[in-house]
Amino acid sequence: MQKLYLENSPIAYYIDDAANKEWLVFVHAAFVDSRMFEKQFNYFSGKYNLLAVDILGHGNSVNAKKGDSIEKMSDWINLIFQKHGVPSAHFVGVSLGAVFIQDFANKYEDKVLSLACFGGYDINNFDVKKQKANSKGQMSMIFKAVFSVKWFAKANKKISAYTSEAQTEFYNMNIQFKKKSIMYLSKLGKLVNKYPKKERKYGLLIGCGEHDIPMEIEIVNEWAAYENCDKIIFEGAGHCVNMDVPQQFNISLEKFLQTHKA
């Protein structure tokens, strides 16, 4: 994957466009970066053109200027599309990444072939009570980060991953997260319930791990009950399913993508 930067923005992104086929876009979870998809990059290289984006304040997207906000993530991704002539793409988002790919679909629906959201929720139809409970849990974790990123990373790895290998990988990325980047996450709520719920014109896959927190499993099951979508609860996985069970994840994702070609 070639590392590039989007002009007039703080955004770093990574491209593998040797396949000359449909595009597959990856957006990572909070407090880590695009390296969480390394096993997906290896699996899908040559099968799809690949694009991964570091969210503002994460990975190499840290040289922000006044006025830069996570509310601009969708527009920055669209500018990357324009720069590289990407007409449309399949999107994969884990946790926080699932929020941003849905926001992109809200703004640029004609550029979306499919969405695959893991460890996330429907941002156009998110229950206020669950939203408050989710925010409370996030603030508790962020409180730890303010005092010590190392302390925070040790606690966060157990929530974010289930297997020891994935926990170690998550921790090694999380430990590099900068405290000052926490401020960007304060705008996240502005992307939730911003647009009305409507029928999607593209395929949707949602899921989480069987060892994710009970509220996330409940959210995924409720989402699947009213949405025309595919659902997977991955065995042996926690929140970041692509890291816990990469082989199962890759095969399931590929099967879904093959049913939603352009």
Protein backbone atom coordinates (compact mmCIF):
# COMPACT_ATOMS: atom_id res chain seq x y z
CA MET A 1 0.00 0.00 0.00
CA GLN A 2 1.41 3.37 -1.03
CA LYS A 3 1.10 6.15 1.58
CA LEU A 4 -0.16 9.46 0.22
CA TYR A 5 -1.51 12.74 1.57
CA LEU A 6 -4.54 14.68 0.41
CA GLU A 7 -3.58 18.22 -0.54
CA ASN A 8 -4.88 21.06 1.66
CA SER A 9 -5.95 18.61 4.36
CA PRO A 10 -4.40 16.65 7.24
CA ILE A 11 -5.50 13.32 5.77
CA ALA A 12 -3.12 10.45 5.06
CA TYR A 13 -4.36 7.55 2.98
CA TYR A 14 -3.06 4.35 1.43
CA ILE A 15 -3.66 2.97 -2.04
CA ASP A 16 -3.09 -0.29 -3.90
CA ASP A 17 -4.60 0.21 -7.36
CA ALA A 18 -2.81 -2.53 -9.29
CA ALA A 19 -5.94 -4.65 -9.66
CA ASN A 20 -7.62 -2.32 -12.17
CA LYS A 21 -10.99 -3.49 -10.84
CA GLU A 22 -13.66 -2.27 -8.42
CA TRP A 23 -12.54 -0.27 -5.39
CA LEU A 24 -12.70 -1.40 -1.77
CA VAL A 25 -12.38 1.30 0.92
CA PHE A 26 -11.44 0.61 4.56
CA VAL A 27 -12.03 2.98 7.50
CA HIS A 28 -10.63 1.95 10.87
CA ALA A 29 -11.81 2.01 14.49
CA ALA A 30 -11.11 4.77 17.02
CA PHE A 31 -7.67 5.12 18.66
CA VAL A 32 -5.88 2.93 16.11
CA ASP A 33 -5.24 3.41 12.38
CA SER A 34 -5.39 1.72 8.99
CA ARG A 35 -2.86 -0.92 10.02
CA MET A 36 -5.72 -2.78 11.70
CA PHE A 37 -6.65 -3.95 8.17
CA GLU A 38 -3.27 -5.41 7.22
CA LYS A 39 -4.65 -8.95 6.91
CA GLN A 40 -7.46 -7.63 4.71
CA PHE A 41 -4.99 -5.74 2.51
CA ASN A 42 -3.02 -8.95 1.96
CA TYR A 43 -6.14 -10.97 1.19
CA PHE A 44 -7.86 -8.54 -1.17
CA SER A 45 -4.77 -7.19 -2.97
CA GLY A 46 -5.11 -8.02 -6.65
CA LYS A 47 -8.81 -8.75 -6.28
CA TYR A 48 -9.86 -5.11 -5.77
CA ASN A 49 -8.23 -1.72 -5.90
CA LEU A 50 -7.71 -0.85 -2.23
CA LEU A 51 -8.00 2.46 -0.38
CA ALA A 52 -7.59 2.96 3.36
CA VAL A 53 -7.93 6.30 5.15
CA ASP A 54 -6.53 7.38 8.51
CA ILE A 55 -9.26 9.25 10.38
CA LEU A 56 -8.41 12.79 11.50
CA GLY A 57 -6.23 12.62 14.62
CA HIS A 58 -5.25 8.99 14.01
CA GLY A 59 -2.29 7.30 12.36
CA ASN A 60 -0.60 9.76 10.01
CA SER A 61 -3.58 12.15 9.77
CA VAL A 62 -2.34 14.39 12.59
CA ASN A 63 -1.15 17.61 10.97
CA ALA A 64 -4.46 19.40 11.39
CA LYS A 65 -5.11 23.11 11.03
CA LYS A 66 -7.71 25.35 12.62
CA GLY A 67 -11.14 24.44 11.31
CA ASP A 68 -10.33 20.82 10.50
CA SER A 69 -13.02 18.51 11.89
CA ILE A 70 -14.12 14.89 11.63
CA GLU A 71 -17.32 16.27 10.12
CA LYS A 72 -15.22 16.77 6.96
CA MET A 73 -14.11 13.13 6.68
CA SER A 74 -16.70 12.26 4.02
CA ASP A 75 -15.77 15.26 1.92
CA TRP A 76 -12.07 14.44 2.20
CA ILE A 77 -12.74 10.88 1.06
CA ASN A 78 -14.70 12.26 -1.88
CA LEU A 79 -11.74 14.48 -2.80
CA ILE A 80 -9.51 11.39 -2.75
CA PHE A 81 -12.02 9.75 -5.12
CA GLN A 82 -11.83 12.75 -7.44
CA LYS A 83 -8.00 12.81 -7.32
CA HIS A 84 -7.67 9.15 -8.28
CA GLY A 85 -10.68 8.84 -10.56
CA VAL A 86 -12.61 6.48 -8.30
CA PRO A 87 -16.19 6.36 -9.66
CA SER A 88 -17.66 4.27 -6.84
CA ALA A 89 -16.58 1.76 -4.23
CA HIS A 90 -17.45 -0.83 -1.64
CA PHE A 91 -16.90 0.42 1.91
CA VAL A 92 -15.80 -1.45 5.03
CA GLY A 93 -15.94 0.29 8.40
CA VAL A 94 -15.21 -1.05 11.87
CA SER A 95 -16.63 0.73 14.94
CA LEU A 96 -15.94 4.45 14.40
CA GLY A 97 -15.18 3.67 10.78
CA ALA A 98 -18.74 2.37 10.35
CA VAL A 99 -20.00 5.84 11.28
CA PHE A 100 -17.93 7.58 8.62
CA ILE A 101 -18.78 5.21 5.77
CA GLN A 102 -22.47 5.69 6.52
CA ASP A 103 -22.00 9.46 6.57
CA PHE A 104 -20.29 9.19 3.19
CA ALA A 105 -23.25 7.18 1.87
CA ASN A 106 -25.63 9.86 3.14
CA LYS A 107 -23.79 12.53 1.15
CA TYR A 108 -22.55 10.59 -1.89
CA GLU A 109 -24.96 7.70 -2.33
CA ASP A 110 -24.25 7.38 -6.04
CA LYS A 111 -20.61 6.53 -5.24
CA VAL A 112 -21.46 3.61 -2.95
CA LEU A 113 -21.66 0.03 -4.24
CA SER A 114 -22.11 -1.48 -0.78
CA LEU A 115 -21.51 -0.85 2.93
CA ALA A 116 -20.13 -3.36 5.43
CA CYS A 117 -20.45 -2.05 8.99
CA PHE A 118 -18.99 -3.97 11.92
CA GLY A 119 -19.27 -3.05 15.59
CA GLY A 120 -21.37 -0.05 14.61
CA TYR A 121 -24.95 1.23 14.55
CA ASP A 122 -27.40 2.84 12.15
CA ILE A 123 -26.46 6.53 12.35
CA ASN A 124 -29.76 7.53 10.73
CA ASN A 125 -31.89 5.67 13.24
CA PHE A 126 -29.99 5.47 16.53
CA ASP A 127 -32.02 5.28 19.74
CA VAL A 128 -31.37 8.32 21.95
CA LYS A 129 -31.15 6.22 25.13
CA LYS A 130 -28.57 3.91 23.57
CA GLN A 131 -26.73 6.93 22.21
CA LYS A 132 -26.43 8.39 25.72
CA ALA A 133 -25.31 5.06 27.18
CA ASN A 134 -22.77 4.66 24.40
CA SER A 135 -21.46 8.20 24.94
CA LYS A 136 -21.17 7.60 28.68
CA GLY A 137 -19.08 4.49 28.09
CA GLN A 138 -16.86 6.31 25.61
CA MET A 139 -16.29 9.20 28.01
CA SER A 140 -15.26 6.77 30.74
CA MET A 141 -12.60 5.33 28.46
CA ILE A 142 -11.48 8.74 27.21
CA PHE A 143 -11.08 9.86 30.83
CA LYS A 144 -8.37 7.21 31.16
CA ALA A 145 -6.65 8.43 28.01
CA VAL A 146 -6.42 11.97 29.37
CA PHE A 147 -4.30 10.73 32.27
CA SER A 148 -2.32 8.00 30.55
CA VAL A 149 -2.48 6.64 27.00
CA LYS A 150 -0.70 3.51 28.21
CA TRP A 151 -3.31 2.93 30.93
CA PHE A 152 -6.04 3.62 28.40
CA ALA A 153 -4.55 1.27 25.79
CA LYS A 154 -4.28 -1.59 28.28
CA ALA A 155 -7.97 -1.27 29.15
CA ASN A 156 -9.10 -0.57 25.60
CA LYS A 157 -7.45 -3.63 24.04
CA LYS A 158 -9.62 -5.93 26.18
CA ILE A 159 -12.78 -4.15 25.06
CA SER A 160 -11.77 -3.89 21.42
CA ALA A 161 -10.35 -7.36 20.74
CA TYR A 162 -10.92 -10.88 22.04
CA THR A 163 -7.91 -12.97 21.01
CA SER A 164 -4.53 -12.34 22.62
CA GLU A 165 -2.91 -11.75 19.22
CA ALA A 166 -5.47 -9.14 18.24
CA GLN A 167 -5.25 -7.48 21.66
CA THR A 168 -1.49 -7.11 21.27
CA GLU A 169 -1.87 -5.67 17.77
CA PHE A 170 -4.55 -3.26 18.95
CA TYR A 171 -2.47 -2.15 21.94
CA ASN A 172 0.60 -1.47 19.79
CA MET A 173 -1.44 0.89 17.62
CA ASN A 174 -3.45 2.45 20.45
CA ILE A 175 -0.30 3.33 22.41
CA GLN A 176 0.67 5.70 19.56
CA PHE A 177 -2.59 7.66 19.78
CA LYS A 178 -2.00 11.30 20.77
CA LYS A 179 -3.95 12.79 23.69
CA LYS A 180 -4.56 16.01 21.78
CA SER A 181 -6.51 14.06 19.15
CA ILE A 182 -9.30 13.31 21.64
CA MET A 183 -10.81 16.73 20.91
CA TYR A 184 -11.72 15.72 17.37
CA LEU A 185 -14.05 12.97 18.61
CA SER A 186 -16.25 15.54 20.38
CA LYS A 187 -17.93 16.30 17.04
CA LEU A 188 -18.98 12.69 16.43
CA GLY A 189 -22.52 13.22 17.72
CA LYS A 190 -23.19 15.72 14.94
CA LEU A 191 -23.13 12.88 12.41
CA VAL A 192 -25.78 10.82 14.24
CA ASN A 193 -29.47 11.16 13.31
CA LYS A 194 -28.50 14.05 11.04
CA TYR A 195 -30.20 12.57 7.99
CA PRO A 196 -33.61 10.86 7.83
CA LYS A 197 -33.74 7.11 7.46
CA LYS A 198 -34.48 6.03 3.89
CA GLU A 199 -34.35 2.94 1.74
CA ARG A 200 -30.81 2.15 0.62
CA LYS A 201 -29.94 1.67 -3.04
CA TYR A 202 -26.87 -0.40 -2.23
CA GLY A 203 -26.11 -3.61 -0.37
CA LEU A 204 -25.61 -3.55 3.39
CA LEU A 205 -23.78 -6.01 5.64
CA ILE A 206 -23.75 -5.52 9.41
CA GLY A 207 -22.20 -7.53 12.20
CA CYS A 208 -20.10 -7.84 15.34
CA GLY A 209 -18.40 -10.52 17.39
CA GLU A 210 -20.14 -12.87 19.79
CA HIS A 211 -17.88 -11.54 22.56
CA ASP A 212 -18.62 -7.86 21.87
CA ILE A 213 -20.45 -5.95 24.61
CA PRO A 214 -24.12 -6.99 24.99
CA MET A 215 -25.39 -3.57 23.89
CA GLU A 216 -23.57 -3.86 20.55
CA ILE A 217 -25.02 -7.30 19.86
CA GLU A 218 -28.47 -5.94 20.73
CA ILE A 219 -27.96 -2.97 18.40
CA VAL A 220 -26.92 -5.21 15.50
CA ASN A 221 -29.87 -7.57 16.00
CA GLU A 222 -32.35 -4.69 16.20
CA TRP A 223 -30.83 -3.07 13.12
CA ALA A 224 -31.15 -6.30 11.15
CA ALA A 225 -34.80 -6.64 12.24
CA TYR A 226 -35.92 -3.51 10.40
CA GLU A 227 -33.28 -3.15 7.66
CA ASN A 228 -32.98 -5.14 4.45
CA CYS A 229 -29.43 -6.35 5.02
CA ASP A 230 -27.12 -9.28 5.67
CA LYS A 231 -26.02 -9.93 9.26
CA ILE A 232 -23.12 -11.87 10.73
CA ILE A 233 -22.26 -12.51 14.38
CA PHE A 234 -18.70 -13.83 14.25
CA GLU A 235 -17.79 -16.68 16.57
CA GLY A 236 -14.58 -16.30 18.55
CA ALA A 237 -14.48 -12.53 18.01
CA GLY A 238 -14.96 -9.35 19.99
CA HIS A 239 -15.46 -5.80 18.75
CA CYS A 240 -12.79 -5.64 16.03
CA VAL A 241 -13.85 -8.78 14.23
CA ASN A 242 -11.47 -8.33 11.31
CA MET A 243 -8.52 -8.59 13.72
CA ASP A 244 -9.86 -11.43 15.88
CA VAL A 245 -10.95 -13.79 13.09
CA PRO A 246 -9.35 -12.42 9.90
CA GLN A 247 -9.79 -15.53 7.77
CA GLN A 248 -13.47 -15.91 8.60
CA PHE A 249 -13.95 -12.18 8.17
CA ASN A 250 -12.23 -12.04 4.78
CA ILE A 251 -14.16 -14.97 3.35
CA SER A 252 -17.50 -13.61 4.60
CA LEU A 253 -16.76 -10.13 3.28
CA GLU A 254 -15.67 -11.43 -0.11
CA LYS A 255 -18.84 -13.49 -0.44
CA PHE A 256 -20.93 -10.39 0.30
CA LEU A 257 -18.97 -8.22 -2.17
CA GLN A 258 -19.44 -10.72 -4.97
CA THR A 259 -23.21 -10.34 -4.71
CA HIS A 260 -23.03 -6.55 -5.06
CA LYS A 261 -20.84 -5.92 -8.08
CA ALA A 262 -21.23 -2.73 -10.06
